[in-house]
Amino acid sequence: MRIGIANAAVIASEVLRRVIMRAGEHDVAWIAHNGADAVARCERDKPDMILMDLFMPKMDGIQAAKRIMAKTPCAIIIATAKVEDHAGKVFEAMGAGALDAVSIPTFTDSDKFEDTRELLGKIQTINRLLGTPAGNKSRNPEARGRRDDFLQLPFDSRPQVSVPRAQNLVVIGSSAGGPAALTTILGDLPADFSAAVVIVQHVDKQFTQGLLAWFTAHTKLQVRVAHQGDRLEAGVVYLAGQGRHLVMFSPTQLGYSSVPVESSYCPSVDVFFRSVAKFWPAPSLGLKEKVQRSNKSWRGKAVGVLLTGMGRDGAAGLKALRDAGHHTIAQDKSTSAIYGMPKAAAELDAAKDILALHKIGQRLATLIQA
């Protein structure tokens, strides 16, 4: 790939340039020292990817990302010093179209770099997604065949509860642009929203607490990180933790699984959506089927939502939800920061509704209250 660098600090720009060149797999297209210059350079010489700092003169990284995604869209990774200290700005940048964020590697006196693995890993992941039409599908056919193995895993530690606390459920998957989109939706939900909300957002572990605080500031609902064995409660937003796949192990309970091992994203939206399709009875099921699947009938609803993001994660899972009889929604192209995941869902006819972002929250309220 050809990679552009946008950073006001000469030393930081040089560190990024050397890391890229020493890896030997990519080229540096250009270096810009402010946001306005980065926008102009993109118009003249569009790279495959940009490593963008948050803080630059004339135009910061957030505004530059917005301009670039509007005029000459390309992959953007926020690369800044101590990225974990700027969670709010990172989420704003993701709302503008940035795909990920990473701290700039440390340069030592011995002309060596520390902590380059994370940066190079993110570059490779995005490169793979850009170059692979199948997006997040595993390259290992055997691993793809094991995608539902978690559904057969023992989970004997769960409480044996026959009726879920939450009678209704909303599940949401998102990636690049997701934090900003999610705050819009959560902000539109009423305080008495009678459903549990479970979110799978692609984000690094270091941002989980920042994302929790970000959502809490934008919604009337309670927000918490989902833990092993959590039982769903109406009016609570559960955010998937990082490092393992969030799954539903029963109609009442959440848990985590390491299967499938090979996945471009962990947690995976597809994995979670498929588990919901398996364990949450659809309103269209007959009484006998409901009793067989849950030991107790109820008229609960589940709604699946797939938002902005790169690749295809969540598209097949949303289709599984629709095929199981649940209502499904995908964000439309005009309001998506990255029209990848919802586009894949639309191509699979996985979404019953394709809606602009500002209409999704109200639609959820209407569906749950109906």
Protein backbone atom coordinates (compact mmCIF):
# COMPACT_ATOMS: atom_id res chain seq x y z
CA MET A 1 0.00 0.00 0.00
CA ARG A 2 0.90 3.65 -0.42
CA ILE A 3 0.58 5.37 2.95
CA GLY A 4 0.35 9.09 3.64
CA ILE A 5 1.47 10.57 6.97
CA ALA A 6 -0.19 13.64 8.53
CA ASN A 7 1.57 14.83 11.69
CA ALA A 8 2.76 18.26 12.80
CA ALA A 9 5.73 16.87 14.73
CA VAL A 10 8.78 16.23 12.54
CA ILE A 11 10.11 13.54 14.89
CA ALA A 12 6.77 11.69 15.00
CA SER A 13 6.49 11.84 11.21
CA GLU A 14 9.99 10.43 10.86
CA VAL A 15 9.25 7.62 13.33
CA LEU A 16 6.18 6.61 11.33
CA ARG A 17 8.10 6.85 8.05
CA ARG A 18 10.90 4.61 9.34
CA VAL A 19 8.52 2.04 10.80
CA ILE A 20 6.70 1.76 7.48
CA MET A 21 9.86 1.57 5.38
CA ARG A 22 11.61 -0.93 7.66
CA ALA A 23 8.59 -3.25 7.50
CA GLY A 24 9.32 -3.48 3.77
CA GLU A 25 5.75 -4.11 2.64
CA HIS A 26 4.44 -0.58 2.03
CA ASP A 27 5.59 2.78 0.67
CA VAL A 28 5.26 6.29 2.08
CA ALA A 29 3.32 8.39 -0.43
CA TRP A 30 3.84 11.77 1.25
CA ILE A 31 4.15 13.57 4.59
CA ALA A 32 1.91 16.50 5.57
CA HIS A 33 2.50 18.63 8.68
CA ASN A 34 -1.02 20.01 9.10
CA GLY A 35 -4.56 18.89 8.36
CA ALA A 36 -5.17 21.33 5.51
CA ASP A 37 -2.04 20.13 3.73
CA ALA A 38 -3.18 16.51 4.16
CA VAL A 39 -6.52 17.31 2.52
CA ALA A 40 -4.78 19.08 -0.38
CA ARG A 41 -2.28 16.26 -0.87
CA CYS A 42 -5.09 13.70 -0.95
CA GLU A 43 -6.76 15.63 -3.76
CA ARG A 44 -3.52 15.63 -5.78
CA ASP A 45 -2.22 12.18 -4.86
CA LYS A 46 -4.70 9.93 -3.09
CA PRO A 47 -2.94 7.22 -1.02
CA ASP A 48 -4.40 3.89 0.05
CA MET A 49 -4.15 4.84 3.72
CA ILE A 50 -3.32 7.82 5.93
CA LEU A 51 -1.76 7.77 9.41
CA MET A 52 -3.41 10.88 10.86
CA ASP A 53 -2.55 12.75 14.06
CA LEU A 54 -5.39 14.23 16.09
CA PHE A 55 -3.71 17.53 16.92
CA MET A 56 -2.36 19.64 14.05
CA PRO A 57 -2.32 23.37 13.15
CA LYS A 58 -4.66 24.95 10.59
CA MET A 59 -6.95 21.90 10.66
CA ASP A 60 -7.01 19.10 13.23
CA GLY A 61 -7.22 15.41 12.43
CA ILE A 62 -10.97 15.20 12.95
CA GLN A 63 -11.77 17.98 10.49
CA ALA A 64 -9.18 16.69 8.03
CA ALA A 65 -10.74 13.21 8.19
CA LYS A 66 -14.18 14.69 7.48
CA ARG A 67 -12.89 16.63 4.45
CA ILE A 68 -10.95 13.67 3.08
CA MET A 69 -13.83 11.21 3.49
CA ALA A 70 -16.14 13.68 1.72
CA LYS A 71 -13.82 14.45 -1.20
CA THR A 72 -11.27 11.66 -1.68
CA PRO A 73 -12.18 8.83 0.73
CA CYS A 74 -9.45 6.44 1.81
CA ALA A 75 -8.54 4.37 4.86
CA ILE A 76 -7.54 6.52 7.85
CA ILE A 77 -5.85 5.35 11.05
CA ILE A 78 -5.48 7.84 13.88
CA ALA A 79 -1.81 7.68 14.97
CA THR A 80 -1.07 9.94 17.91
CA ALA A 81 0.97 10.03 21.11
CA LYS A 82 -0.65 8.11 23.99
CA VAL A 83 -3.87 7.46 22.11
CA GLU A 84 -5.56 6.06 25.23
CA ASP A 85 -5.49 9.56 26.77
CA HIS A 86 -7.69 10.98 24.01
CA ALA A 87 -10.63 8.56 23.86
CA GLY A 88 -13.24 11.26 23.23
CA LYS A 89 -11.30 12.71 20.29
CA VAL A 90 -10.69 9.22 18.92
CA PHE A 91 -14.43 8.49 18.91
CA GLU A 92 -15.08 11.80 17.15
CA ALA A 93 -12.51 10.87 14.52
CA MET A 94 -14.13 7.46 14.07
CA GLY A 95 -17.42 9.26 13.59
CA ALA A 96 -15.73 11.24 10.81
CA GLY A 97 -14.61 8.03 9.10
CA ALA A 98 -11.35 6.95 10.73
CA LEU A 99 -11.11 3.17 10.88
CA ASP A 100 -8.93 2.70 13.95
CA ALA A 101 -6.50 4.39 16.31
CA VAL A 102 -3.05 3.57 17.65
CA SER A 103 -0.24 5.14 19.66
CA ILE A 104 2.86 6.22 17.75
CA PRO A 105 5.75 3.81 18.48
CA THR A 106 8.51 4.99 20.81
CA PHE A 107 11.90 5.85 19.31
CA THR A 108 14.95 4.90 21.40
CA ASP A 109 18.50 6.25 21.38
CA SER A 110 19.75 3.02 19.82
CA ASP A 111 17.83 3.77 16.62
CA LYS A 112 15.25 1.13 17.47
CA PHE A 113 11.51 1.32 17.87
CA GLU A 114 9.33 -0.05 20.62
CA ASP A 115 5.70 -1.17 20.31
CA THR A 116 5.56 -1.32 16.51
CA ARG A 117 3.54 -4.54 16.44
CA GLU A 118 0.21 -2.84 17.11
CA LEU A 119 0.65 -0.22 14.39
CA LEU A 120 1.83 -2.71 11.77
CA GLY A 121 -0.90 -5.15 12.79
CA LYS A 122 -3.62 -2.56 12.23
CA ILE A 123 -2.14 -1.61 8.86
CA GLN A 124 -2.11 -5.27 7.82
CA THR A 125 -5.67 -5.88 9.02
CA ILE A 126 -7.04 -2.95 7.03
CA ASN A 127 -4.93 -3.89 4.02
CA ARG A 128 -6.44 -7.38 4.15
CA LEU A 129 -9.96 -5.98 4.35
CA LEU A 130 -9.31 -3.60 1.47
CA GLY A 131 -7.89 -6.36 -0.69
CA THR A 132 -10.28 -9.20 0.16
CA PRO A 133 -13.83 -9.00 -1.26
CA ALA A 134 -15.05 -11.43 1.37
CA GLY A 135 -14.08 -8.93 4.07
CA ASN A 136 -13.96 -10.54 7.46
CA LYS A 137 -14.32 -14.15 6.34
CA SER A 138 -11.66 -16.44 7.66
CA ARG A 139 -9.05 -17.62 5.19
CA ASN A 140 -9.18 -21.04 6.83
CA PRO A 141 -12.15 -23.07 5.47
CA GLU A 142 -12.01 -25.39 8.46
CA ALA A 143 -12.25 -22.42 10.82
CA ARG A 144 -15.28 -21.12 8.91
CA GLY A 145 -16.92 -24.47 9.38
CA ARG A 146 -16.48 -24.13 13.14
CA ARG A 147 -18.14 -20.73 13.37
CA ASP A 148 -21.10 -22.04 15.41
CA ASP A 149 -19.11 -24.38 17.65
CA PHE A 150 -19.62 -22.01 20.57
CA LEU A 151 -23.31 -22.92 20.52
CA GLN A 152 -22.43 -26.45 21.64
CA LEU A 153 -19.95 -25.43 24.35
CA PRO A 154 -20.90 -26.38 27.92
CA PHE A 155 -21.93 -23.48 30.10
CA ASP A 156 -22.92 -25.27 33.29
CA SER A 157 -22.18 -22.29 35.52
CA ARG A 158 -25.17 -20.32 34.24
CA PRO A 159 -28.20 -20.00 36.53
CA GLN A 160 -31.15 -22.09 35.37
CA VAL A 161 -33.73 -19.35 34.82
CA SER A 162 -36.79 -20.05 32.72
CA VAL A 163 -38.03 -16.51 32.05
CA PRO A 164 -35.77 -13.66 30.88
CA ARG A 165 -35.75 -10.46 32.87
CA ALA A 166 -35.87 -8.48 29.64
CA GLN A 167 -38.93 -9.27 27.54
CA ASN A 168 -37.49 -7.40 24.55
CA LEU A 169 -34.02 -7.16 23.06
CA VAL A 170 -32.15 -4.81 20.71
CA VAL A 171 -28.77 -5.95 19.37
CA ILE A 172 -26.48 -3.53 17.53
CA GLY A 173 -23.24 -4.12 15.63
CA SER A 174 -20.90 -1.37 14.44
CA SER A 175 -17.31 -0.59 13.54
CA ALA A 176 -15.70 2.51 11.99
CA GLY A 177 -17.96 5.48 12.66
CA GLY A 178 -19.86 3.44 15.22
CA PRO A 179 -19.25 5.43 18.44
CA ALA A 180 -20.76 8.61 17.00
CA ALA A 181 -23.63 6.71 15.37
CA LEU A 182 -24.39 4.84 18.57
CA THR A 183 -24.55 8.03 20.64
CA THR A 184 -27.19 9.34 18.23
CA ILE A 185 -29.30 6.19 18.58
CA LEU A 186 -28.89 5.84 22.35
CA GLY A 187 -29.72 9.50 22.82
CA ASP A 188 -33.03 8.99 21.02
CA LEU A 189 -34.17 6.11 23.26
CA PRO A 190 -36.52 7.07 26.12
CA ALA A 191 -35.64 6.52 29.77
CA ASP A 192 -38.41 3.91 30.05
CA PHE A 193 -37.21 1.93 27.01
CA SER A 194 -38.56 -1.57 27.66
CA ALA A 195 -35.77 -3.60 26.09
CA ALA A 196 -32.23 -4.64 26.86
CA VAL A 197 -29.70 -3.22 24.38
CA VAL A 198 -26.53 -5.16 23.55
CA ILE A 199 -23.77 -3.48 21.51
CA VAL A 200 -20.84 -5.11 19.74
CA GLN A 201 -18.51 -2.31 18.64
CA HIS A 202 -15.11 -2.98 17.08
CA VAL A 203 -12.73 -1.10 19.38
CA ASP A 204 -9.47 -1.81 21.16
CA LYS A 205 -9.59 -2.93 24.79
CA GLN A 206 -7.87 0.28 25.90
CA PHE A 207 -10.89 2.28 24.73
CA THR A 208 -13.60 0.19 26.42
CA GLN A 209 -13.88 2.34 29.55
CA GLY A 210 -13.71 5.53 27.50
CA LEU A 211 -16.49 4.23 25.27
CA LEU A 212 -18.54 3.35 28.34
CA ALA A 213 -18.21 6.92 29.64
CA TRP A 214 -18.92 8.32 26.17
CA PHE A 215 -22.20 6.39 25.89
CA THR A 216 -23.22 7.15 29.48
CA ALA A 217 -22.97 10.87 28.75
CA HIS A 218 -25.30 10.55 25.76
CA THR A 219 -28.16 8.36 27.00
CA LYS A 220 -30.80 8.18 29.73
CA LEU A 221 -30.25 4.43 30.01
CA GLN A 222 -27.80 2.63 32.28
CA VAL A 223 -24.64 1.51 30.45
CA ARG A 224 -22.31 -1.28 31.55
CA VAL A 225 -19.74 -3.68 30.11
CA ALA A 226 -21.23 -7.15 29.59
CA HIS A 227 -19.82 -9.80 31.91
CA GLN A 228 -19.88 -13.58 31.82
CA GLY A 229 -23.26 -14.77 33.10
CA ASP A 230 -25.05 -11.41 32.88
CA ARG A 231 -28.82 -11.73 32.69
CA LEU A 232 -30.51 -9.22 30.42
CA GLU A 233 -32.45 -6.39 32.03
CA ALA A 234 -34.74 -3.93 30.28
CA GLY A 235 -33.43 -0.37 30.13
CA VAL A 236 -29.79 -1.46 30.37
CA VAL A 237 -27.19 -1.10 27.61
CA TYR A 238 -24.57 -3.87 27.57
CA LEU A 239 -21.28 -3.14 25.78
CA ALA A 240 -19.30 -6.17 24.60
CA GLY A 241 -15.90 -6.53 26.23
CA GLN A 242 -12.83 -7.08 24.09
CA GLY A 243 -10.62 -10.12 23.54
CA ARG A 244 -13.35 -12.78 23.25
CA HIS A 245 -16.62 -13.15 21.37
CA LEU A 246 -19.75 -12.05 23.19
CA VAL A 247 -22.48 -14.68 22.77
CA MET A 248 -25.95 -15.51 24.02
CA PHE A 249 -25.92 -18.92 25.71
CA SER A 250 -29.63 -19.01 26.58
CA PRO A 251 -32.68 -16.76 26.19
CA THR A 252 -31.71 -15.14 29.47
CA GLN A 253 -27.97 -14.86 29.55
CA LEU A 254 -24.78 -13.51 28.01
CA GLY A 255 -21.35 -15.08 28.04
CA TYR A 256 -18.02 -15.12 26.23
CA SER A 257 -16.40 -17.66 23.93
CA SER A 258 -12.99 -18.00 22.25
CA VAL A 259 -14.56 -19.83 19.28
CA PRO A 260 -14.12 -19.23 16.39
CA VAL A 261 -10.40 -18.65 16.92
CA GLU A 262 -9.74 -17.18 13.47
CA SER A 263 -11.69 -13.99 12.93
CA SER A 264 -10.72 -10.55 11.70
CA TYR A 265 -12.69 -9.08 14.59
CA CYS A 266 -13.00 -10.13 18.20
CA PRO A 267 -15.67 -9.67 19.40
CA SER A 268 -17.46 -10.49 16.16
CA VAL A 269 -20.88 -9.07 15.31
CA ASP A 270 -21.67 -12.15 13.22
CA VAL A 271 -20.91 -14.51 16.10
CA PHE A 272 -23.15 -12.59 18.50
CA PHE A 273 -26.03 -12.10 16.05
CA ARG A 274 -26.04 -15.82 15.18
CA SER A 275 -26.20 -16.76 18.85
CA VAL A 276 -29.21 -14.46 19.31
CA ALA A 277 -30.90 -16.00 16.27
CA LYS A 278 -30.47 -19.41 17.87
CA PHE A 279 -31.51 -18.66 21.44
CA TRP A 280 -34.04 -15.82 21.31
CA PRO A 281 -37.49 -17.10 20.20
CA ALA A 282 -39.13 -15.01 17.51
CA PRO A 283 -42.65 -13.62 18.08
CA SER A 284 -43.77 -15.59 15.01
CA LEU A 285 -43.03 -18.92 16.68
CA GLY A 286 -46.00 -20.99 17.77
CA LEU A 287 -46.65 -21.58 21.46
CA LYS A 288 -45.32 -25.14 21.31
CA GLU A 289 -42.05 -24.02 19.73
CA LYS A 290 -41.63 -21.25 22.30
CA VAL A 291 -42.08 -23.66 25.15
CA GLN A 292 -39.59 -26.08 23.62
CA ARG A 293 -36.96 -23.37 23.16
CA SER A 294 -37.34 -21.48 26.42
CA ASN A 295 -39.39 -23.61 28.85
CA LYS A 296 -41.76 -20.66 29.10
CA SER A 297 -43.61 -18.70 26.42
CA TRP A 298 -43.40 -14.92 26.14
CA ARG A 299 -44.16 -12.36 23.49
CA GLY A 300 -40.78 -10.70 23.51
CA LYS A 301 -39.25 -9.03 20.49
CA ALA A 302 -35.70 -8.89 19.21
CA VAL A 303 -34.48 -6.27 16.75
CA GLY A 304 -31.09 -6.43 15.04
CA VAL A 305 -29.30 -3.29 13.85
CA LEU A 306 -26.14 -3.08 11.72
CA LEU A 307 -24.39 0.27 11.54
CA THR A 308 -21.47 1.89 9.75
CA GLY A 309 -18.23 -0.06 9.41
CA MET A 310 -15.67 -1.53 7.05
CA GLY A 311 -15.88 -5.10 5.78
CA ARG A 312 -18.78 -7.53 6.15
CA ASP A 313 -18.91 -8.43 9.84
CA GLY A 314 -22.53 -8.63 10.97
CA ALA A 315 -24.13 -8.99 7.53
CA ALA A 316 -24.54 -12.77 7.68
CA GLY A 317 -25.56 -12.55 11.34
CA LEU A 318 -28.23 -9.97 10.52
CA LYS A 319 -29.52 -12.30 7.81
CA ALA A 320 -29.70 -15.11 10.38
CA LEU A 321 -31.78 -12.85 12.63
CA ARG A 322 -34.16 -11.98 9.82
CA ASP A 323 -34.46 -15.62 8.76
CA ALA A 324 -35.30 -16.49 12.38
CA GLY A 325 -38.25 -14.09 12.27
CA HIS A 326 -36.77 -11.01 13.93
CA HIS A 327 -36.97 -7.42 12.69
CA THR A 328 -33.71 -6.13 11.20
CA ILE A 329 -32.37 -2.67 10.35
CA ALA A 330 -29.29 -1.49 8.44
CA GLN A 331 -27.96 2.06 8.30
CA ASP A 332 -28.24 3.73 4.91
CA LYS A 333 -25.34 4.83 2.72
CA SER A 334 -25.86 8.58 3.05
CA THR A 335 -25.40 8.59 6.84
CA SER A 336 -22.74 5.85 7.16
CA ALA A 337 -19.18 7.01 7.77
CA ILE A 338 -18.06 3.78 6.08
CA TYR A 339 -20.68 2.00 3.97
CA GLY A 340 -19.25 -1.50 4.20
CA MET A 341 -21.04 -3.64 6.80
CA PRO A 342 -24.53 -2.24 6.15
CA LYS A 343 -23.95 -2.45 2.40
CA ALA A 344 -23.08 -6.15 2.74
CA ALA A 345 -26.29 -6.63 4.74
CA ALA A 346 -28.34 -4.91 2.06
CA GLU A 347 -26.78 -7.12 -0.61
CA LEU A 348 -27.83 -10.21 1.37
CA ASP A 349 -31.36 -8.83 1.83
CA ALA A 350 -30.65 -9.12 5.55
CA ALA A 351 -32.30 -5.82 6.51
CA LYS A 352 -36.05 -5.34 6.54
CA ASP A 353 -35.51 -1.60 6.99
CA ILE A 354 -32.68 0.52 5.57
CA LEU A 355 -32.78 3.79 7.46
CA ALA A 356 -30.92 7.05 7.90
CA LEU A 357 -29.13 7.23 11.23
CA HIS A 358 -31.43 9.87 12.74
CA LYS A 359 -34.46 7.63 12.13
CA ILE A 360 -33.14 4.44 13.74
CA GLY A 361 -33.67 5.37 17.40
CA GLN A 362 -37.28 6.38 16.85
CA ARG A 363 -37.88 3.24 14.80
CA LEU A 364 -36.56 1.10 17.65
CA ALA A 365 -38.82 2.86 20.14
CA THR A 366 -41.82 2.29 17.89
CA LEU A 367 -41.03 -1.39 17.29
CA ILE A 368 -40.49 -2.17 20.97
CA GLN A 369 -43.54 -0.28 22.16
CA ALA A 370 -45.88 -1.66 19.48
